[in-house]
Amino acid sequence: MLSRTLLVLIIFYLSNAVDVSVKKSRVWGPGLSADFLVPVRYFYIQLVNKDGSNVTDSVGDKAVSVSIVPGNGAPLRVWTQVLDRHDGSYIARYRLYNTASDLQINVQYNGKHIASSPYRLRGNVYHETCDCPHQSAEEWAQAVGCPATYPQIQQDLQHFRSVDMTKVAKEAVERFNQRGQHSLCHYKVIANKVSRKCYGDHVGFKMFGDAILLSLSRKMFLPDFEFFLNLGDWPLEDRRPDQNPLPIFSWCGSEGTRDIVLPTYDITEATLEMMGRISLDMFSTQANTGPKWPNKTAVAFWRGRDSRQERLHLVELSLKNPGMIDARLTNMFFFPKDEKKYGELVKHISFFDFFKYKYQLNIDGTVAAYRFPYLLAGDSAIFKQESEYYEHFYKELEPNIHYIPLKHDLSDVLEKLKWAKDHDEEVQQIAQNGQQYARENLNPDDILCYHVRAFQHYAKLLKKKPKSVKDFELVQQPEEKMSCSCSKAQKTKHEEL
């Protein structure tokens, strides 16, 4: 007679066994098209059982494989990675380091081709640093599948019926070029060349503005336009709509300002440097979400620096309620150290280790906490502080649907956590809703699409196109070590657009 332990193991195995059908399994996504010009191309794989049901658990990180070979036999430098999302689905991504032609993508499960594999990408497939624009911004947007616009862009631009950059430039420099207070750059894009003139003492963050404009101009012909980019954390334009606010692009918006919001430098850099020098990105997070929901620790987790009073209050609550909150400071720059009140500083831990906990606390720093997109991509429930600050996508989220709201002063955090422990299924659904939103709206193409649409709509408001770059510095494209295989027709197409 079988022992009770062995019987339990057999039942567990049978209930979790998979019978994968390589024909019924699905492979889809933009990375299967040569026209999908982004730094890292990607597509999705969903394993399906022979009975037609989706596989809902991991089958191991070696069972699914992807290989890429050039159809013409030419040398190919490519880094391919398959990320297991531990729910039966996978992200396959690859970064090219030289331009190739007629790629063949093999997608396999235990050595057998999945769905319609192998897939073929006809024509030239360009790598990220290849300076070979051959289509207009609109053609690129349509090929990638960008929406026509975004609600936040329309909301931000409604304050500007037309833009006279001669007046804007003079007034912006007079108002915001105050020594030691603000830093900003005046960018001009003319004939797809990027130039800038920066103001302020701390302009190092111009590298983020440079990077996105150069990346876009390598892929498409941007419209001729000029704009000011705020290099600081805080949004700048605090004039009311009836006071003729200036169009200033910023990485963060607020309810009391009129800045035009772009995706943050953090998520933009994570997009451009994916599979490069950046390890934390929207895809790597999805593959490192920790234990399954029932095995996560039912405690609210937070780590960070002392950039806001509410963070200190949170740490005090944690010390008094360790069974409810695990919140610690990693650095102190803004407030006096007081170990009796706030405990000792702790070491940084991997962001992926955050997801060992069911509940994540998203508390403002100097402005909005830029970790929010990555928290959404995990599978923990987010408790978000009410805030005047927002990123480009915040207003698409719904409280108690995608996250659990907290009062600005955190006075209800213990109450909300007690509620969460008593409503586990409901809270898990909120976590899943937030994760689904991130999977559908914060991918690399979404970040690039948002920039393109913001620049396109803004450029149409300019009274005059920029013509002179006198006293501006040309922002050079990175030195290209590999051939791009650009045709003469492609290089001269800008004159026709």
Protein backbone atom coordinates (compact mmCIF):
# COMPACT_ATOMS: atom_id res chain seq x y z
CA MET A 1 0.00 0.00 0.00
CA LEU A 2 1.38 3.41 -0.95
CA SER A 3 2.54 5.60 1.88
CA ARG A 4 0.64 8.83 2.42
CA THR A 5 3.71 10.93 1.49
CA LEU A 6 4.24 9.06 -1.80
CA LEU A 7 0.56 9.36 -2.67
CA VAL A 8 0.68 13.13 -2.11
CA LEU A 9 3.75 13.39 -4.36
CA ILE A 10 2.05 11.41 -7.14
CA ILE A 11 -1.09 13.56 -6.95
CA PHE A 12 1.08 16.71 -7.01
CA TYR A 13 2.99 15.47 -10.06
CA LEU A 14 -0.16 14.51 -11.97
CA SER A 15 -1.85 17.83 -11.22
CA ASN A 16 1.19 19.75 -12.44
CA ALA A 17 2.25 17.51 -15.32
CA VAL A 18 2.32 19.08 -18.77
CA ASP A 19 1.65 17.48 -22.13
CA VAL A 20 2.88 20.20 -24.44
CA SER A 21 1.71 20.34 -28.05
CA VAL A 22 4.33 22.12 -30.15
CA LYS A 23 1.73 22.67 -32.90
CA LYS A 24 -0.90 24.21 -30.63
CA SER A 25 1.61 26.34 -28.73
CA ARG A 26 1.75 29.97 -29.85
CA VAL A 27 4.56 32.28 -30.92
CA TRP A 28 3.82 35.94 -31.65
CA GLY A 29 5.19 39.41 -31.28
CA PRO A 30 6.88 42.31 -33.05
CA GLY A 31 10.36 40.80 -32.97
CA LEU A 32 9.33 38.45 -35.77
CA SER A 33 9.30 41.38 -38.22
CA ALA A 34 12.36 42.98 -39.81
CA ASP A 35 10.59 46.37 -39.69
CA PHE A 36 10.46 46.34 -35.89
CA LEU A 37 13.37 48.73 -35.32
CA VAL A 38 14.09 48.88 -31.59
CA PRO A 39 17.32 48.33 -29.60
CA VAL A 40 16.27 44.84 -28.52
CA ARG A 41 13.76 42.85 -30.54
CA TYR A 42 11.44 40.47 -28.73
CA PHE A 43 8.50 38.12 -29.10
CA TYR A 44 6.42 35.85 -26.89
CA ILE A 45 5.94 32.12 -26.53
CA GLN A 46 2.94 30.49 -24.86
CA LEU A 47 3.10 26.75 -24.33
CA VAL A 48 -0.20 24.94 -24.82
CA ASN A 49 -1.17 21.43 -23.75
CA LYS A 50 -2.53 18.91 -26.21
CA ASP A 51 -6.02 19.42 -24.78
CA GLY A 52 -5.81 23.10 -25.84
CA SER A 53 -5.30 24.55 -22.37
CA ASN A 54 -2.42 26.91 -21.64
CA VAL A 55 0.49 25.60 -19.63
CA THR A 56 0.40 27.66 -16.43
CA ASP A 57 3.72 26.83 -14.80
CA SER A 58 7.37 26.72 -15.73
CA VAL A 59 8.64 23.71 -17.65
CA GLY A 60 12.23 24.65 -16.86
CA ASP A 61 14.62 27.22 -18.26
CA LYS A 62 16.20 24.79 -20.75
CA ALA A 63 13.11 23.28 -22.38
CA VAL A 64 12.38 26.33 -24.56
CA SER A 65 15.17 27.55 -26.83
CA VAL A 66 15.64 30.16 -29.53
CA SER A 67 18.43 30.31 -32.10
CA ILE A 68 18.99 32.83 -34.89
CA VAL A 69 20.98 32.28 -38.06
CA PRO A 70 21.47 34.48 -41.14
CA GLY A 71 19.88 33.13 -44.29
CA ASN A 72 22.83 34.12 -46.47
CA GLY A 73 25.44 32.48 -44.26
CA ALA A 74 27.14 35.80 -43.44
CA PRO A 75 28.74 36.29 -40.00
CA LEU A 76 26.24 37.22 -37.31
CA ARG A 77 26.83 38.67 -33.86
CA VAL A 78 23.70 38.30 -31.80
CA TRP A 79 22.84 37.75 -28.14
CA THR A 80 19.67 35.71 -27.69
CA GLN A 81 17.89 35.17 -24.38
CA VAL A 82 14.74 33.32 -23.35
CA LEU A 83 13.11 34.61 -20.16
CA ASP A 84 10.84 32.25 -18.26
CA ARG A 85 7.87 34.10 -16.75
CA HIS A 86 7.00 30.98 -14.70
CA ASP A 87 3.40 30.91 -15.94
CA GLY A 88 3.83 28.87 -19.09
CA SER A 89 4.81 31.91 -21.13
CA TYR A 90 8.23 33.15 -22.20
CA ILE A 91 9.83 36.29 -23.55
CA ALA A 92 12.41 35.67 -26.26
CA ARG A 93 14.64 38.65 -26.93
CA TYR A 94 17.70 39.27 -29.03
CA ARG A 95 20.12 42.11 -29.64
CA LEU A 96 22.06 42.32 -32.88
CA TYR A 97 25.61 43.67 -32.97
CA ASN A 98 25.85 43.83 -36.74
CA THR A 99 23.37 44.24 -39.57
CA ALA A 100 22.21 40.97 -41.07
CA SER A 101 19.99 39.83 -43.92
CA ASP A 102 17.21 37.26 -44.13
CA LEU A 103 17.39 36.00 -40.56
CA GLN A 104 15.92 32.63 -39.61
CA ILE A 105 14.54 32.34 -36.07
CA ASN A 106 14.20 28.83 -34.67
CA VAL A 107 11.84 28.48 -31.71
CA GLN A 108 11.88 25.04 -30.13
CA TYR A 109 10.54 23.03 -27.22
CA ASN A 110 12.83 20.13 -26.31
CA GLY A 111 14.36 20.27 -29.78
CA LYS A 112 11.06 20.42 -31.70
CA HIS A 113 9.89 23.50 -33.59
CA ILE A 114 7.01 25.38 -31.97
CA ALA A 115 4.00 26.66 -33.93
CA SER A 116 5.19 27.96 -37.33
CA SER A 117 8.90 27.90 -36.51
CA PRO A 118 11.27 28.56 -38.19
CA TYR A 119 10.37 32.22 -38.77
CA ARG A 120 12.11 34.30 -41.42
CA LEU A 121 12.85 38.01 -41.44
CA ARG A 122 13.28 39.11 -45.04
CA GLY A 123 15.65 41.88 -46.04
CA ASN A 124 18.06 43.85 -43.89
CA VAL A 125 17.73 43.65 -40.11
CA TYR A 126 19.59 46.59 -38.57
CA HIS A 127 21.41 46.66 -35.24
CA GLU A 128 20.92 49.42 -32.66
CA THR A 129 23.95 51.59 -33.40
CA CYS A 130 23.44 51.43 -37.16
CA ASP A 131 22.86 54.99 -38.36
CA CYS A 132 20.62 54.06 -41.27
CA PRO A 133 17.25 55.84 -41.19
CA HIS A 134 15.16 54.83 -44.18
CA GLN A 135 11.61 55.78 -43.23
CA SER A 136 9.72 58.74 -41.80
CA ALA A 137 8.75 58.85 -38.15
CA GLU A 138 5.16 58.09 -39.18
CA GLU A 139 6.22 55.10 -41.25
CA TRP A 140 8.24 53.78 -38.31
CA ALA A 141 5.31 54.33 -35.94
CA GLN A 142 2.92 52.46 -38.19
CA ALA A 143 5.36 49.59 -38.71
CA VAL A 144 5.87 49.24 -34.95
CA GLY A 145 2.17 49.59 -34.21
CA CYS A 146 2.18 52.82 -32.18
CA PRO A 147 -1.21 54.26 -31.20
CA ALA A 148 -2.08 57.54 -32.91
CA THR A 149 -1.56 59.42 -29.65
CA TYR A 150 -1.68 59.08 -25.85
CA PRO A 151 -4.14 60.79 -23.47
CA GLN A 152 -1.33 62.26 -21.39
CA ILE A 153 0.27 63.85 -24.47
CA GLN A 154 -3.04 65.45 -25.45
CA GLN A 155 -3.56 66.70 -21.92
CA ASP A 156 -0.07 68.19 -21.74
CA LEU A 157 -0.21 69.88 -25.15
CA GLN A 158 -3.68 71.38 -24.74
CA HIS A 159 -2.11 74.44 -23.10
CA PHE A 160 -0.16 75.33 -26.24
CA ARG A 161 -2.08 76.31 -29.38
CA SER A 162 1.13 77.37 -31.08
CA VAL A 163 4.76 77.69 -30.03
CA ASP A 164 7.04 80.59 -30.94
CA MET A 165 10.45 79.21 -30.02
CA THR A 166 12.16 82.61 -30.34
CA LYS A 167 10.07 83.88 -27.43
CA VAL A 168 10.15 80.56 -25.57
CA ALA A 169 13.94 80.33 -25.72
CA LYS A 170 14.46 83.86 -24.41
CA GLU A 171 11.99 83.50 -21.56
CA ALA A 172 12.99 79.97 -20.59
CA VAL A 173 16.63 80.98 -20.18
CA GLU A 174 15.66 84.10 -18.19
CA ARG A 175 13.33 82.20 -15.86
CA PHE A 176 15.04 78.86 -15.38
CA ASN A 177 18.75 79.53 -15.89
CA GLN A 178 19.16 80.57 -12.28
CA ARG A 179 22.55 79.59 -10.95
CA GLY A 180 22.43 76.52 -8.74
CA GLN A 181 18.68 75.99 -9.13
CA HIS A 182 17.77 74.53 -12.52
CA SER A 183 19.45 72.85 -15.46
CA LEU A 184 17.97 72.43 -18.91
CA CYS A 185 18.96 71.91 -22.53
CA HIS A 186 17.67 73.52 -25.70
CA TYR A 187 17.62 70.81 -28.37
CA LYS A 188 17.32 71.30 -32.12
CA VAL A 189 16.76 68.53 -34.64
CA ILE A 190 17.46 69.73 -38.18
CA ALA A 191 17.86 67.38 -41.16
CA ASN A 192 17.90 64.52 -38.65
CA LYS A 193 20.98 65.91 -36.89
CA VAL A 194 20.77 66.61 -33.16
CA SER A 195 22.28 69.74 -31.62
CA ARG A 196 21.92 71.26 -28.16
CA LYS A 197 22.79 74.16 -25.91
CA CYS A 198 22.60 73.54 -22.16
CA TYR A 199 22.16 75.87 -19.21
CA GLY A 200 22.86 75.39 -15.53
CA ASP A 201 25.58 74.02 -13.27
CA HIS A 202 24.61 70.36 -13.40
CA VAL A 203 23.93 69.22 -16.94
CA GLY A 204 25.20 65.64 -16.79
CA PHE A 205 21.72 64.28 -17.37
CA LYS A 206 21.86 65.65 -20.91
CA MET A 207 23.23 62.20 -21.77
CA PHE A 208 19.69 60.82 -21.46
CA GLY A 209 18.24 63.40 -23.83
CA ASP A 210 21.11 62.78 -26.22
CA ALA A 211 20.64 59.02 -26.12
CA ILE A 212 16.96 58.89 -27.01
CA LEU A 213 17.20 61.50 -29.79
CA LEU A 214 20.23 59.80 -31.35
CA SER A 215 18.57 56.39 -31.13
CA LEU A 216 15.40 57.62 -32.81
CA SER A 217 17.31 59.48 -35.53
CA ARG A 218 19.20 56.30 -36.41
CA LYS A 219 15.91 54.53 -37.09
CA MET A 220 13.77 57.19 -38.76
CA PHE A 221 13.71 60.70 -40.15
CA LEU A 222 12.45 62.90 -37.35
CA PRO A 223 10.60 66.14 -38.12
CA ASP A 224 12.64 69.32 -37.83
CA PHE A 225 11.80 70.72 -34.39
CA GLU A 226 13.29 72.25 -31.26
CA PHE A 227 12.39 72.06 -27.58
CA PHE A 228 13.61 72.54 -24.02
CA LEU A 229 14.31 69.51 -21.83
CA ASN A 230 14.36 69.90 -18.05
CA LEU A 231 17.31 67.96 -16.63
CA GLY A 232 16.14 68.06 -13.02
CA ASP A 233 13.76 65.96 -10.96
CA TRP A 234 11.09 68.58 -10.30
CA PRO A 235 8.77 69.78 -13.08
CA LEU A 236 9.40 73.47 -13.78
CA GLU A 237 6.46 75.28 -15.34
CA ASP A 238 4.16 76.38 -12.50
CA ARG A 239 2.19 78.99 -14.44
CA ARG A 240 -1.55 78.49 -14.76
CA PRO A 241 -3.01 77.83 -18.23
CA ASP A 242 -4.19 81.47 -18.45
CA GLN A 243 -0.68 82.78 -17.70
CA ASN A 244 0.99 81.63 -20.95
CA PRO A 245 3.01 78.68 -19.64
CA LEU A 246 6.16 77.67 -21.49
CA PRO A 247 6.38 74.24 -23.18
CA ILE A 248 9.06 72.44 -21.17
CA PHE A 249 9.59 68.69 -21.50
CA SER A 250 10.22 66.88 -18.20
CA TRP A 251 10.51 63.34 -16.94
CA CYS A 252 7.94 63.90 -14.21
CA GLY A 253 4.72 65.86 -14.02
CA SER A 254 2.69 67.24 -11.15
CA GLU A 255 -0.82 68.50 -10.56
CA GLY A 256 0.51 72.04 -10.02
CA THR A 257 2.70 72.31 -13.13
CA ARG A 258 2.27 72.35 -16.92
CA ASP A 259 5.34 70.43 -18.09
CA ILE A 260 5.08 68.06 -21.06
CA VAL A 261 5.85 64.64 -19.61
CA LEU A 262 8.13 62.11 -21.29
CA PRO A 263 8.93 58.60 -20.05
CA THR A 264 11.52 58.92 -17.26
CA TYR A 265 15.21 58.79 -18.05
CA ASP A 266 15.30 55.58 -15.99
CA ILE A 267 12.87 53.49 -18.02
CA THR A 268 14.15 55.07 -21.25
CA GLU A 269 17.73 54.11 -20.46
CA ALA A 270 16.57 50.62 -19.48
CA THR A 271 14.95 50.39 -22.93
CA LEU A 272 17.96 51.64 -24.88
CA GLU A 273 20.54 49.67 -22.87
CA MET A 274 18.55 46.44 -22.51
CA MET A 275 20.82 43.38 -22.79
CA GLY A 276 23.71 45.81 -22.42
CA ARG A 277 25.03 47.52 -19.31
CA ILE A 278 21.59 47.60 -17.66
CA SER A 279 20.43 44.52 -15.75
CA LEU A 280 17.10 45.85 -14.43
CA ASP A 281 14.53 46.34 -17.17
CA MET A 282 10.87 45.56 -17.80
CA PHE A 283 11.63 42.11 -19.17
CA SER A 284 14.27 40.95 -16.68
CA THR A 285 11.85 41.86 -13.90
CA GLN A 286 9.16 39.58 -15.35
CA ALA A 287 11.56 36.65 -15.19
CA ASN A 288 12.51 37.28 -11.56
CA THR A 289 9.29 37.62 -9.62
CA GLY A 290 10.20 35.34 -6.73
CA PRO A 291 8.01 32.64 -5.21
CA LYS A 292 4.45 31.99 -6.26
CA TRP A 293 1.84 34.09 -4.47
CA PRO A 294 0.99 31.59 -1.66
CA ASN A 295 4.69 31.28 -0.80
CA LYS A 296 5.45 34.99 -0.62
CA THR A 297 5.89 36.58 2.79
CA ALA A 298 2.74 38.51 3.75
CA VAL A 299 4.65 41.62 4.80
CA ALA A 300 4.91 45.06 3.17
CA PHE A 301 8.43 45.68 1.87
CA TRP A 302 10.38 48.86 1.15
CA ARG A 303 14.00 49.95 0.77
CA GLY A 304 15.33 53.39 -0.15
CA ARG A 305 16.90 56.65 0.91
CA ASP A 306 15.51 59.44 3.10
CA SER A 307 14.35 61.73 0.31
CA ARG A 308 10.93 62.42 1.87
CA GLN A 309 9.53 62.76 5.38
CA GLU A 310 6.92 60.07 4.76
CA ARG A 311 9.71 57.58 4.15
CA LEU A 312 11.07 58.25 7.62
CA HIS A 313 7.59 57.82 9.06
CA LEU A 314 7.29 54.51 7.24
CA VAL A 315 10.54 53.26 8.75
CA GLU A 316 9.34 54.25 12.23
CA LEU A 317 6.11 52.30 11.65
CA SER A 318 8.17 49.31 10.52
CA LEU A 319 10.25 49.28 13.69
CA LYS A 320 7.06 49.33 15.76
CA ASN A 321 5.22 46.78 13.57
CA PRO A 322 7.84 44.35 12.23
CA GLY A 323 5.21 41.69 11.56
CA MET A 324 3.44 44.05 9.15
CA ILE A 325 6.15 46.15 7.50
CA ASP A 326 9.80 45.58 6.59
CA ALA A 327 11.00 49.10 5.69
CA ARG A 328 14.61 50.23 6.07
CA LEU A 329 16.80 53.09 4.93
CA THR A 330 19.79 52.36 2.72
CA ASN A 331 21.18 55.92 2.69
CA MET A 332 20.58 59.22 4.47
CA PHE A 333 21.33 62.50 2.70
CA PHE A 334 18.48 64.85 3.59
CA PHE A 335 17.75 64.33 7.30
CA PRO A 336 19.97 63.89 10.39
CA LYS A 337 20.82 60.30 11.24
CA ASP A 338 19.02 58.96 14.28
CA GLU A 339 19.41 55.21 14.78
CA LYS A 340 17.06 55.24 17.77
CA LYS A 341 14.22 56.51 15.58
CA TYR A 342 15.09 54.98 12.22
CA GLY A 343 17.38 52.05 12.98
CA GLU A 344 20.71 51.35 11.35
CA LEU A 345 21.22 51.78 7.64
CA VAL A 346 21.04 48.50 5.75
CA LYS A 347 22.78 47.31 2.60
CA HIS A 348 21.15 47.41 -0.80
CA ILE A 349 19.61 44.16 -1.96
CA SER A 350 18.72 42.97 -5.45
CA PHE A 351 15.50 44.50 -6.73
CA PHE A 352 14.38 41.02 -7.68
CA ASP A 353 14.45 40.02 -4.01
CA PHE A 354 11.68 42.54 -3.36
CA PHE A 355 9.25 40.03 -4.84
CA LYS A 356 9.75 37.59 -2.00
CA TYR A 357 7.09 39.75 -0.33
CA LYS A 358 3.40 39.98 -1.20
CA TYR A 359 3.11 43.69 -0.64
CA GLN A 360 5.27 46.47 -2.11
CA LEU A 361 5.20 50.04 -0.83
CA ASN A 362 5.64 52.75 -3.46
CA ILE A 363 6.48 56.00 -1.68
CA ASP A 364 7.52 59.24 -3.39
CA GLY A 365 11.16 60.27 -3.31
CA THR A 366 12.08 63.79 -4.37
CA VAL A 367 9.30 63.36 -6.92
CA ALA A 368 7.53 60.21 -8.17
CA ALA A 369 9.39 57.01 -7.34
CA TYR A 370 10.75 55.81 -10.68
CA ARG A 371 10.75 52.18 -9.54
CA PHE A 372 6.98 51.99 -10.01
CA PRO A 373 7.02 50.44 -13.54
CA TYR A 374 9.24 47.61 -12.35
CA LEU A 375 7.10 46.99 -9.28
CA LEU A 376 4.07 46.71 -11.55
CA ALA A 377 5.86 44.17 -13.74
CA GLY A 378 6.36 41.86 -10.76
CA ASP A 379 3.59 39.84 -9.16
CA SER A 380 3.31 41.54 -5.78
CA ALA A 381 0.51 43.94 -4.84
CA ILE A 382 1.54 47.59 -4.80
CA PHE A 383 0.44 50.00 -2.11
CA LYS A 384 0.92 53.42 -3.67
CA GLN A 385 1.04 56.70 -1.78
CA GLU A 386 -1.33 59.39 -3.02
CA SER A 387 0.81 62.00 -4.74
CA GLU A 388 0.76 65.14 -6.84
CA TYR A 389 3.60 63.71 -8.95
CA TYR A 390 3.17 61.32 -11.85
CA GLU A 391 4.98 59.59 -14.70
CA HIS A 392 3.69 59.46 -18.26
CA PHE A 393 1.42 56.45 -17.67
CA TYR A 394 0.07 56.97 -14.13
CA LYS A 395 -3.29 58.38 -15.15
CA GLU A 396 -4.17 55.20 -17.03
CA LEU A 397 -4.07 53.24 -13.76
CA GLU A 398 -7.06 52.82 -11.48
CA PRO A 399 -6.84 52.63 -7.68
CA ASN A 400 -8.03 49.32 -6.22
CA ILE A 401 -7.80 47.84 -9.71
CA HIS A 402 -4.07 48.10 -10.49
CA TYR A 403 -2.80 49.15 -7.05
CA ILE A 404 -4.01 49.83 -3.51
CA PRO A 405 -4.00 53.55 -2.65
CA LEU A 406 -2.53 54.95 0.56
CA LYS A 407 -3.15 58.37 2.03
CA HIS A 408 -0.33 60.83 1.45
CA ASP A 409 0.62 60.88 5.14
CA LEU A 410 0.48 57.03 5.29
CA SER A 411 -1.96 57.22 8.20
CA ASP A 412 -3.94 54.29 6.79
CA VAL A 413 -1.08 51.95 5.90
CA LEU A 414 -1.59 49.57 8.84
CA GLU A 415 -5.33 49.51 8.24
CA LYS A 416 -4.86 48.74 4.53
CA LEU A 417 -2.35 45.98 5.28
CA LYS A 418 -4.73 44.33 7.73
CA TRP A 419 -7.43 44.50 5.09
CA ALA A 420 -5.09 42.91 2.55
CA LYS A 421 -4.36 39.94 4.79
CA ASP A 422 -8.09 39.35 5.18
CA HIS A 423 -8.78 39.66 1.42
CA ASP A 424 -5.97 37.63 -0.09
CA GLU A 425 -7.69 36.62 -3.33
CA GLU A 426 -8.83 40.16 -4.05
CA VAL A 427 -5.34 41.53 -3.41
CA GLN A 428 -3.77 38.88 -5.63
CA GLN A 429 -6.11 39.93 -8.44
CA ILE A 430 -5.01 43.55 -8.02
CA ALA A 431 -1.39 42.39 -8.28
CA GLN A 432 -2.20 40.48 -11.48
CA ASN A 433 -4.04 43.48 -12.95
CA GLY A 434 -1.04 45.71 -12.35
CA GLN A 435 1.30 43.16 -13.86
CA GLN A 436 -0.91 42.77 -16.93
CA TYR A 437 -0.96 46.52 -17.44
CA ALA A 438 2.84 46.66 -17.34
CA ARG A 439 3.12 43.73 -19.77
CA GLU A 440 0.82 45.44 -22.25
CA ASN A 441 1.85 49.11 -21.94
CA LEU A 442 5.43 49.52 -20.72
CA ASN A 443 7.41 47.50 -23.25
CA PRO A 444 10.36 48.92 -25.23
CA ASP A 445 8.18 49.80 -28.22
CA ASP A 446 5.74 51.61 -25.93
CA ILE A 447 8.53 53.80 -24.55
CA LEU A 448 9.86 54.68 -28.00
CA CYS A 449 6.36 55.17 -29.40
CA TYR A 450 5.54 57.63 -26.65
CA HIS A 451 8.62 59.73 -27.43
CA VAL A 452 7.89 59.71 -31.16
CA ARG A 453 4.25 60.70 -30.75
CA ALA A 454 5.11 63.44 -28.23
CA PHE A 455 7.72 64.92 -30.57
CA GLN A 456 5.46 64.62 -33.64
CA HIS A 457 2.48 66.35 -32.02
CA TYR A 458 4.66 69.02 -30.46
CA ALA A 459 6.50 69.73 -33.74
CA LYS A 460 3.18 70.57 -35.41
CA LEU A 461 2.66 73.39 -32.90
CA LEU A 462 5.85 75.23 -33.86
CA LYS A 463 5.27 78.46 -35.76
CA LYS A 464 8.58 78.04 -37.56
CA LYS A 465 10.93 75.14 -38.10
CA PRO A 466 14.41 75.63 -36.65
CA LYS A 467 17.05 76.65 -39.21
CA SER A 468 20.17 77.80 -37.39
CA VAL A 469 22.31 75.90 -34.91
CA LYS A 470 24.73 78.77 -34.27
CA ASP A 471 26.32 78.43 -30.82
CA PHE A 472 24.81 74.93 -30.48
CA GLU A 473 26.87 71.76 -30.08
CA LEU A 474 26.37 68.92 -32.51
CA VAL A 475 25.59 65.67 -30.67
CA GLN A 476 27.62 63.02 -32.44
CA GLN A 477 26.36 59.54 -33.15
CA PRO A 478 28.46 56.78 -31.53
CA GLU A 479 31.32 55.53 -33.65
CA GLU A 480 30.11 52.66 -35.81
CA LYS A 481 32.46 49.69 -35.89
CA MET A 482 30.26 47.38 -37.93
CA SER A 483 28.92 47.97 -41.44
CA CYS A 484 25.29 49.08 -41.62
CA SER A 485 24.78 48.15 -45.28
CA CYS A 486 22.89 51.39 -45.92
CA SER A 487 21.98 51.95 -49.51
CA LYS A 488 22.45 55.35 -51.16
CA ALA A 489 18.70 55.56 -51.68
CA GLN A 490 18.08 55.13 -47.97
CA LYS A 491 20.55 57.83 -47.00
CA THR A 492 19.02 60.36 -49.38
CA LYS A 493 15.37 59.61 -48.67
CA HIS A 494 15.18 62.37 -46.06
CA GLU A 495 15.14 64.94 -48.85
CA GLU A 496 11.96 63.36 -50.21
CA LEU A 497 10.09 63.24 -46.90
